Amino acid sequence: MFDAADLHAESAFWAGMLGGHVFPDETFHSVIDAAGEWRIGVQLDLDSDEGHQVYADPAGHPFCIG
């Protein structure tokens, strides 16, 4: 699950990376992969005004999206 200031851009990015598509809702998008499996949820972050989010990979390394 990702929080995103730009819900459409974030979910479209992940859908493109996974070769899948997006099932949109007003404040939540589900990203479905090429095999039709749910992979990622993206929710609108109404409190974000910076346009990017910092995450950590499974090993704890930070990375930014946005």
Protein backbone atom coordinates (compact mmCIF):
# COMPACT_ATOMS: atom_id res chain seq x y z
CA MET A 1 0.00 0.00 0.00
CA PHE A 2 1.37 3.38 -1.04
CA ASP A 3 0.19 6.87 -0.10
CA ALA A 4 0.33 9.26 -3.04
CA ALA A 5 -0.28 12.95 -3.59
CA ASP A 6 -0.99 12.18 -7.28
CA LEU A 7 -3.09 9.03 -7.20
CA HIS A 8 -3.31 8.63 -10.98
CA ALA A 9 0.43 9.08 -11.65
CA GLU A 10 1.50 6.70 -8.87
CA SER A 11 -0.89 3.90 -9.82
CA ALA A 12 -0.18 4.31 -13.56
CA PHE A 13 3.56 4.04 -12.87
CA TRP A 14 3.18 0.75 -11.00
CA ALA A 15 0.73 -0.64 -13.56
CA GLY A 16 3.27 0.12 -16.27
CA MET A 17 6.08 -1.52 -14.31
CA LEU A 18 3.97 -4.66 -13.81
CA GLY A 19 2.51 -4.73 -17.33
CA GLY A 20 -0.95 -4.50 -15.80
CA HIS A 21 -3.75 -2.02 -15.33
CA VAL A 22 -5.48 0.11 -12.71
CA PHE A 23 -8.92 -0.26 -11.17
CA PRO A 24 -9.58 3.31 -10.00
CA ASP A 25 -11.81 4.67 -7.26
CA GLU A 26 -11.96 8.23 -5.93
CA THR A 27 -9.37 7.84 -3.17
CA PHE A 28 -7.95 4.34 -3.79
CA HIS A 29 -6.55 2.54 -6.84
CA SER A 30 -5.84 -1.18 -7.16
CA VAL A 31 -2.96 -2.16 -9.43
CA ILE A 32 -3.49 -5.49 -11.18
CA ASP A 33 -0.55 -7.27 -12.87
CA ALA A 34 -0.48 -8.85 -16.35
CA ALA A 35 -1.72 -12.16 -14.92
CA GLY A 36 -4.79 -10.47 -13.42
CA GLU A 37 -3.52 -10.61 -9.82
CA TRP A 38 -3.88 -7.72 -7.36
CA ARG A 39 -0.41 -6.41 -6.54
CA ILE A 40 -0.43 -2.88 -5.13
CA GLY A 41 -2.89 -0.54 -3.49
CA VAL A 42 -2.42 3.21 -3.88
CA GLN A 43 -4.39 5.58 -1.68
CA LEU A 44 -4.72 9.34 -1.91
CA ASP A 45 -2.64 11.16 0.68
CA LEU A 46 -4.57 14.35 1.33
CA ASP A 47 -1.91 15.60 3.77
CA SER A 48 0.98 15.46 1.31
CA ASP A 49 1.95 18.76 -0.27
CA GLU A 50 5.47 17.85 -1.37
CA GLY A 51 4.55 15.56 -4.27
CA HIS A 52 6.82 12.69 -3.26
CA GLN A 53 6.92 9.90 -0.73
CA VAL A 54 9.87 8.12 0.86
CA TYR A 55 9.66 4.35 1.20
CA ALA A 56 12.01 1.58 2.28
CA ASP A 57 12.77 -1.62 0.40
CA PRO A 58 12.71 -4.96 2.28
CA ALA A 59 16.37 -4.46 3.31
CA GLY A 60 15.57 -1.02 4.74
CA HIS A 61 17.11 1.11 1.98
CA PRO A 62 15.15 4.32 1.43
CA PHE A 63 13.86 5.34 -1.99
CA CYS A 64 11.65 8.14 -3.26
CA ILE A 65 8.74 8.12 -5.67
CA GLY A 66 7.27 11.24 -7.10
